Amino acid sequence: MSRVQRIQNIDGLRETLQTILKSQCSLSESDVNLLNEAVAKLNRLRTKKGLTDKHYQMEIADIVELITEFLI
C-alpha cells in the first residue's frame, strides 16, 4: 500500500472517531479515553515514515483493539 493511501485511510478513520467523540455526549469517561487514545495513535502513525507493511499492520492492530474495546 502506498504512503498516500495509508495517510488517506488514517485520516478517514481519525475523522470518523473524532465525529463520534463530538456527537456522542453520553459516552462514558473510559469510552472517551479509548477513542482519544486511538486518535492519538493514528496521529502518531500518520507522521511515521518508512514503515513496512508488517509494522503498519501491527500499529493498526493496536488501534483496532482500542476500537473493539470501545464497541464491547
PDB file of N, CA and C in Angstrom:
ATOM      1  N   MET A   1       0.854  -1.173   0.000  1.00  0.00           N
ATOM      2  CA  MET A   1       0.000   0.000   0.000  1.00  0.00           C
ATOM      3  C   MET A   1       0.899   1.235   0.000  1.00  0.00           C
ATOM      4  N   SER A   2       0.556   2.187  -0.802  1.00  0.00           N
ATOM      5  CA  SER A   2       1.384   3.387  -0.893  1.00  0.00           C
ATOM      6  C   SER A   2       1.178   4.284   0.334  1.00  0.00           C
ATOM      7  N   ARG A   3       2.138   5.146   0.557  1.00  0.00           N
ATOM      8  CA  ARG A   3       2.068   6.069   1.701  1.00  0.00           C
ATOM      9  C   ARG A   3       0.846   6.987   1.593  1.00  0.00           C
ATOM     10  N   VAL A   4       0.518   7.416   0.389  1.00  0.00           N
ATOM     11  CA  VAL A   4      -0.636   8.298   0.181  1.00  0.00           C
ATOM     12  C   VAL A   4      -1.925   7.574   0.578  1.00  0.00           C
ATOM     13  N   GLN A   5      -2.047   6.311   0.188  1.00  0.00           N
ATOM     14  CA  GLN A   5      -3.234   5.532   0.551  1.00  0.00           C
ATOM     15  C   GLN A   5      -3.315   5.339   2.059  1.00  0.00           C
ATOM     16  N   ARG A   6      -2.171   5.074   2.675  1.00  0.00           N
ATOM     17  CA  ARG A   6      -2.153   4.899   4.132  1.00  0.00           C
ATOM     18  C   ARG A   6      -2.630   6.173   4.833  1.00  0.00           C
ATOM     19  N   ILE A   7      -2.112   7.298   4.396  1.00  0.00           N
ATOM     20  CA  ILE A   7      -2.493   8.571   5.020  1.00  0.00           C
ATOM     21  C   ILE A   7      -3.979   8.839   4.820  1.00  0.00           C
ATOM     22  N   GLN A   8      -4.508   8.532   3.641  1.00  0.00           N
ATOM     23  CA  GLN A   8      -5.934   8.724   3.403  1.00  0.00           C
ATOM     24  C   GLN A   8      -6.768   7.834   4.315  1.00  0.00           C
ATOM     25  N   ASN A   9      -6.354   6.586   4.483  1.00  0.00           N
ATOM     26  CA  ASN A   9      -7.068   5.670   5.371  1.00  0.00           C
ATOM     27  C   ASN A   9      -7.010   6.141   6.824  1.00  0.00           C
ATOM     28  N   ILE A  10      -5.837   6.571   7.244  1.00  0.00           N
ATOM     29  CA  ILE A  10      -5.659   7.064   8.612  1.00  0.00           C
ATOM     30  C   ILE A  10      -6.529   8.291   8.840  1.00  0.00           C
ATOM     31  N   ASP A  11      -6.506   9.224   7.890  1.00  0.00           N
ATOM     32  CA  ASP A  11      -7.306  10.446   8.023  1.00  0.00           C
ATOM     33  C   ASP A  11      -8.797  10.141   8.090  1.00  0.00           C
ATOM     34  N   GLY A  12      -9.255   9.208   7.271  1.00  0.00           N
ATOM     35  CA  GLY A  12     -10.666   8.845   7.281  1.00  0.00           C
ATOM     36  C   GLY A  12     -11.101   8.256   8.609  1.00  0.00           C
ATOM     37  N   LEU A  13     -10.305   7.352   9.136  1.00  0.00           N
ATOM     38  CA  LEU A  13     -10.628   6.737  10.426  1.00  0.00           C
ATOM     39  C   LEU A  13     -10.549   7.756  11.551  1.00  0.00           C
ATOM     40  N   ARG A  14      -9.542   8.607  11.497  1.00  0.00           N
ATOM     41  CA  ARG A  14      -9.379   9.634  12.533  1.00  0.00           C
ATOM     42  C   ARG A  14     -10.577  10.587  12.541  1.00  0.00           C
ATOM     43  N   GLU A  15     -11.020  11.004  11.375  1.00  0.00           N
ATOM     44  CA  GLU A  15     -12.174  11.901  11.280  1.00  0.00           C
ATOM     45  C   GLU A  15     -13.443  11.224  11.800  1.00  0.00           C
ATOM     46  N   THR A  16     -13.600   9.947  11.504  1.00  0.00           N
ATOM     47  CA  THR A  16     -14.765   9.207  11.983  1.00  0.00           C
ATOM     48  C   THR A  16     -14.767   9.130  13.509  1.00  0.00           C
ATOM     49  N   LEU A  17     -13.623   8.819  14.091  1.00  0.00           N
ATOM     50  CA  LEU A  17     -13.537   8.730  15.553  1.00  0.00           C
ATOM     51  C   LEU A  17     -13.779  10.088  16.204  1.00  0.00           C
ATOM     52  N   GLN A  18     -13.260  11.144  15.603  1.00  0.00           N
ATOM     53  CA  GLN A  18     -13.475  12.478  16.157  1.00  0.00           C
ATOM     54  C   GLN A  18     -14.931  12.890  16.048  1.00  0.00           C
ATOM     55  N   THR A  19     -15.614  12.477  14.990  1.00  0.00           N
ATOM     56  CA  THR A  19     -17.038  12.757  14.848  1.00  0.00           C
ATOM     57  C   THR A  19     -17.831  12.050  15.940  1.00  0.00           C
ATOM     58  N   ILE A  20     -17.467  10.811  16.228  1.00  0.00           N
ATOM     59  CA  ILE A  20     -18.136  10.071  17.309  1.00  0.00           C
ATOM     60  C   ILE A  20     -17.916  10.781  18.635  1.00  0.00           C
ATOM     61  N   LEU A  21     -16.708  11.229  18.875  1.00  0.00           N
ATOM     62  CA  LEU A  21     -16.399  11.918  20.130  1.00  0.00           C
ATOM     63  C   LEU A  21     -17.209  13.206  20.276  1.00  0.00           C
ATOM     64  N   LYS A  22     -17.372  13.931  19.188  1.00  0.00           N
ATOM     65  CA  LYS A  22     -18.088  15.206  19.242  1.00  0.00           C
ATOM     66  C   LYS A  22     -19.592  15.030  19.342  1.00  0.00           C
ATOM     67  N   SER A  23     -20.134  14.001  18.706  1.00  0.00           N
ATOM     68  CA  SER A  23     -21.584  13.882  18.610  1.00  0.00           C
ATOM     69  C   SER A  23     -22.220  13.025  19.696  1.00  0.00           C
ATOM     70  N   GLN A  24     -21.430  12.312  20.443  1.00  0.00           N
ATOM     71  CA  GLN A  24     -21.979  11.416  21.461  1.00  0.00           C
ATOM     72  C   GLN A  24     -21.696  11.961  22.861  1.00  0.00           C
ATOM     73  N   CYS A  25     -22.653  12.692  23.402  1.00  0.00           N
ATOM     74  CA  CYS A  25     -22.448  13.270  24.727  1.00  0.00           C
ATOM     75  C   CYS A  25     -22.650  12.237  25.837  1.00  0.00           C
ATOM     76  N   SER A  26     -23.211  11.081  25.504  1.00  0.00           N
ATOM     77  CA  SER A  26     -23.498  10.074  26.524  1.00  0.00           C
ATOM     78  C   SER A  26     -22.389   9.037  26.674  1.00  0.00           C
ATOM     79  N   LEU A  27     -21.219   9.299  26.139  1.00  0.00           N
ATOM     80  CA  LEU A  27     -20.107   8.364  26.265  1.00  0.00           C
ATOM     81  C   LEU A  27     -19.549   8.395  27.686  1.00  0.00           C
ATOM     82  N   SER A  28     -19.173   7.225  28.167  1.00  0.00           N
ATOM     83  CA  SER A  28     -18.540   7.175  29.486  1.00  0.00           C
ATOM     84  C   SER A  28     -17.114   7.711  29.375  1.00  0.00           C
ATOM     85  N   GLU A  29     -16.532   7.992  30.511  1.00  0.00           N
ATOM     86  CA  GLU A  29     -15.163   8.523  30.525  1.00  0.00           C
ATOM     87  C   GLU A  29     -14.184   7.510  29.943  1.00  0.00           C
ATOM     88  N   SER A  30     -14.389   6.232  30.224  1.00  0.00           N
ATOM     89  CA  SER A  30     -13.491   5.211  29.685  1.00  0.00           C
ATOM     90  C   SER A  30     -13.633   5.097  28.167  1.00  0.00           C
ATOM     91  N   ASP A  31     -14.861   5.254  27.646  1.00  0.00           N
ATOM     92  CA  ASP A  31     -15.057   5.238  26.197  1.00  0.00           C
ATOM     93  C   ASP A  31     -14.355   6.420  25.538  1.00  0.00           C
ATOM     94  N   VAL A  32     -14.480   7.578  26.135  1.00  0.00           N
ATOM     95  CA  VAL A  32     -13.822   8.773  25.602  1.00  0.00           C
ATOM     96  C   VAL A  32     -12.309   8.580  25.620  1.00  0.00           C
ATOM     97  N   ASN A  33     -11.780   8.006  26.698  1.00  0.00           N
ATOM     98  CA  ASN A  33     -10.340   7.769  26.793  1.00  0.00           C
ATOM     99  C   ASN A  33      -9.862   6.793  25.722  1.00  0.00           C
ATOM    100  N   LEU A  34     -10.642   5.724  25.479  1.00  0.00           N
ATOM    101  CA  LEU A  34     -10.268   4.752  24.450  1.00  0.00           C
ATOM    102  C   LEU A  34     -10.228   5.401  23.069  1.00  0.00           C
ATOM    103  N   LEU A  35     -11.256   6.182  22.764  1.00  0.00           N
ATOM    104  CA  LEU A  35     -11.297   6.837  21.456  1.00  0.00           C
ATOM    105  C   LEU A  35     -10.200   7.890  21.315  1.00  0.00           C
ATOM    106  N   ASN A  36      -9.949   8.635  22.372  1.00  0.00           N
ATOM    107  CA  ASN A  36      -8.866   9.632  22.325  1.00  0.00           C
ATOM    108  C   ASN A  36      -7.509   8.964  22.134  1.00  0.00           C
ATOM    109  N   GLU A  37      -7.315   7.827  22.775  1.00  0.00           N
ATOM    110  CA  GLU A  37      -6.055   7.104  22.624  1.00  0.00           C
ATOM    111  C   GLU A  37      -5.904   6.588  21.192  1.00  0.00           C
ATOM    112  N   ALA A  38      -6.998   6.097  20.614  1.00  0.00           N
ATOM    113  CA  ALA A  38      -6.961   5.627  19.231  1.00  0.00           C
ATOM    114  C   ALA A  38      -6.633   6.776  18.279  1.00  0.00           C
ATOM    115  N   VAL A  39      -7.248   7.940  18.503  1.00  0.00           N
ATOM    116  CA  VAL A  39      -6.973   9.114  17.663  1.00  0.00           C
ATOM    117  C   VAL A  39      -5.507   9.534  17.813  1.00  0.00           C
ATOM    118  N   ALA A  40      -4.994   9.513  19.030  1.00  0.00           N
ATOM    119  CA  ALA A  40      -3.599   9.890  19.264  1.00  0.00           C
ATOM    120  C   ALA A  40      -2.650   8.931  18.537  1.00  0.00           C
ATOM    121  N   LYS A  41      -2.949   7.634  18.589  1.00  0.00           N
ATOM    122  CA  LYS A  41      -2.108   6.663  17.891  1.00  0.00           C
ATOM    123  C   LYS A  41      -2.180   6.866  16.376  1.00  0.00           C
ATOM    124  N   LEU A  42      -3.365   7.199  15.876  1.00  0.00           N
ATOM    125  CA  LEU A  42      -3.493   7.482  14.449  1.00  0.00           C
ATOM    126  C   LEU A  42      -2.675   8.711  14.062  1.00  0.00           C
ATOM    127  N   ASN A  43      -2.683   9.729  14.909  1.00  0.00           N
ATOM    128  CA  ASN A  43      -1.882  10.932  14.633  1.00  0.00           C
ATOM    129  C   ASN A  43      -0.400  10.605  14.592  1.00  0.00           C
ATOM    130  N   ARG A  44       0.059   9.782  15.533  1.00  0.00           N
ATOM    131  CA  ARG A  44       1.477   9.388  15.549  1.00  0.00           C
ATOM    132  C   ARG A  44       1.810   8.532  14.334  1.00  0.00           C
ATOM    133  N   LEU A  45       0.894   7.619  13.982  1.00  0.00           N
ATOM    134  CA  LEU A  45       1.123   6.736  12.842  1.00  0.00           C
ATOM    135  C   LEU A  45       1.205   7.530  11.549  1.00  0.00           C
ATOM    136  N   ARG A  46       0.438   8.585  11.464  1.00  0.00           N
ATOM    137  CA  ARG A  46       0.416   9.417  10.256  1.00  0.00           C
ATOM    138  C   ARG A  46       1.774  10.070  10.003  1.00  0.00           C
ATOM    139  N   THR A  47       2.500  10.377  11.065  1.00  0.00           N
ATOM    140  CA  THR A  47       3.779  11.071  10.907  1.00  0.00           C
ATOM    141  C   THR A  47       4.962  10.126  10.711  1.00  0.00           C
ATOM    142  N   LYS A  48       4.767   8.837  10.963  1.00  0.00           N
ATOM    143  CA  LYS A  48       5.870   7.883  10.813  1.00  0.00           C
ATOM    144  C   LYS A  48       6.137   7.638   9.334  1.00  0.00           C
ATOM    145  N   LYS A  49       7.410   7.614   9.004  1.00  0.00           N
ATOM    146  CA  LYS A  49       7.817   7.358   7.624  1.00  0.00           C
ATOM    147  C   LYS A  49       8.645   6.079   7.575  1.00  0.00           C
ATOM    148  N   GLY A  50       8.625   5.443   6.424  1.00  0.00           N
ATOM    149  CA  GLY A  50       9.450   4.257   6.223  1.00  0.00           C
ATOM    150  C   GLY A  50       8.930   3.001   6.886  1.00  0.00           C
ATOM    151  N   LEU A  51       7.631   2.949   7.183  1.00  0.00           N
ATOM    152  CA  LEU A  51       7.079   1.752   7.802  1.00  0.00           C
ATOM    153  C   LEU A  51       6.910   0.650   6.761  1.00  0.00           C
ATOM    154  N   THR A  52       7.284  -0.550   7.150  1.00  0.00           N
ATOM    155  CA  THR A  52       6.993  -1.692   6.288  1.00  0.00           C
ATOM    156  C   THR A  52       5.524  -2.057   6.476  1.00  0.00           C
ATOM    157  N   ASP A  53       5.013  -2.871   5.576  1.00  0.00           N
ATOM    158  CA  ASP A  53       3.622  -3.303   5.702  1.00  0.00           C
ATOM    159  C   ASP A  53       3.395  -4.026   7.025  1.00  0.00           C
ATOM    160  N   LYS A  54       4.376  -4.807   7.464  1.00  0.00           N
ATOM    161  CA  LYS A  54       4.242  -5.553   8.723  1.00  0.00           C
ATOM    162  C   LYS A  54       4.135  -4.597   9.904  1.00  0.00           C
ATOM    163  N   HIS A  55       4.992  -3.589   9.952  1.00  0.00           N
ATOM    164  CA  HIS A  55       4.941  -2.614  11.056  1.00  0.00           C
ATOM    165  C   HIS A  55       3.636  -1.827  11.032  1.00  0.00           C
ATOM    166  N   TYR A  56       3.197  -1.464   9.839  1.00  0.00           N
ATOM    167  CA  TYR A  56       1.937  -0.735   9.682  1.00  0.00           C
ATOM    168  C   TYR A  56       0.775  -1.583  10.201  1.00  0.00           C
ATOM    169  N   GLN A  57       0.762  -2.859   9.857  1.00  0.00           N
ATOM    170  CA  GLN A  57      -0.295  -3.759  10.316  1.00  0.00           C
ATOM    171  C   GLN A  57      -0.276  -3.908  11.828  1.00  0.00           C
ATOM    172  N   MET A  58       0.904  -3.962  12.424  1.00  0.00           N
ATOM    173  CA  MET A  58       0.997  -4.073  13.880  1.00  0.00           C
ATOM    174  C   MET A  58       0.435  -2.824  14.556  1.00  0.00           C
ATOM    175  N   GLU A  59       0.753  -1.659  14.012  1.00  0.00           N
ATOM    176  CA  GLU A  59       0.243  -0.410  14.566  1.00  0.00           C
ATOM    177  C   GLU A  59      -1.278  -0.344  14.438  1.00  0.00           C
ATOM    178  N   ILE A  60      -1.790  -0.723  13.284  1.00  0.00           N
ATOM    179  CA  ILE A  60      -3.227  -0.709  13.049  1.00  0.00           C
ATOM    180  C   ILE A  60      -3.926  -1.717  13.959  1.00  0.00           C
ATOM    181  N   ALA A  61      -3.301  -2.858  14.206  1.00  0.00           N
ATOM    182  CA  ALA A  61      -3.892  -3.865  15.095  1.00  0.00           C
ATOM    183  C   ALA A  61      -4.109  -3.291  16.491  1.00  0.00           C
ATOM    184  N   ASP A  62      -3.155  -2.497  16.986  1.00  0.00           N
ATOM    185  CA  ASP A  62      -3.303  -1.856  18.298  1.00  0.00           C
ATOM    186  C   ASP A  62      -4.496  -0.899  18.299  1.00  0.00           C
ATOM    187  N   ILE A  63      -4.656  -0.159  17.230  1.00  0.00           N
ATOM    188  CA  ILE A  63      -5.752   0.804  17.122  1.00  0.00           C
ATOM    189  C   ILE A  63      -7.095   0.075  17.034  1.00  0.00           C
ATOM    190  N   VAL A  64      -7.131  -0.998  16.259  1.00  0.00           N
ATOM    191  CA  VAL A  64      -8.361  -1.787  16.143  1.00  0.00           C
ATOM    192  C   VAL A  64      -8.737  -2.391  17.491  1.00  0.00           C
ATOM    193  N   GLU A  65      -7.756  -2.795  18.260  1.00  0.00           N
ATOM    194  CA  GLU A  65      -8.016  -3.338  19.598  1.00  0.00           C
ATOM    195  C   GLU A  65      -8.692  -2.286  20.490  1.00  0.00           C
ATOM    196  N   LEU A  66      -8.219  -1.055  20.423  1.00  0.00           N
ATOM    197  CA  LEU A  66      -8.843   0.021  21.199  1.00  0.00           C
ATOM    198  C   LEU A  66     -10.297   0.262  20.758  1.00  0.00           C
ATOM    199  N   ILE A  67     -10.509   0.262  19.460  1.00  0.00           N
ATOM    200  CA  ILE A  67     -11.864   0.480  18.939  1.00  0.00           C
ATOM    201  C   ILE A  67     -12.779  -0.675  19.338  1.00  0.00           C
ATOM    202  N   THR A  68     -12.244  -1.891  19.314  1.00  0.00           N
ATOM    203  CA  THR A  68     -13.023  -3.046  19.715  1.00  0.00           C
ATOM    204  C   THR A  68     -13.414  -2.965  21.178  1.00  0.00           C
ATOM    205  N   GLU A  69     -12.485  -2.539  22.030  1.00  0.00           N
ATOM    206  CA  GLU A  69     -12.808  -2.345  23.449  1.00  0.00           C
ATOM    207  C   GLU A  69     -13.929  -1.324  23.621  1.00  0.00           C
ATOM    208  N   PHE A  70     -13.886  -0.275  22.823  1.00  0.00           N
ATOM    209  CA  PHE A  70     -14.941   0.752  22.868  1.00  0.00           C
ATOM    210  C   PHE A  70     -16.292   0.149  22.487  1.00  0.00           C
ATOM    211  N   LEU A  71     -16.318  -0.678  21.450  1.00  0.00           N
ATOM    212  CA  LEU A  71     -17.579  -1.234  20.958  1.00  0.00           C
ATOM    213  C   LEU A  71     -18.154  -2.313  21.872  1.00  0.00           C
ATOM    214  N   ILE A  72     -17.311  -2.972  22.633  1.00  0.00           N
ATOM    215  CA  ILE A  72     -17.795  -4.037  23.515  1.00  0.00           C
ATOM    216  C   ILE A  72     -18.176  -3.495  24.819  1.00  0.00           C
TER     217      ILE A  72
END
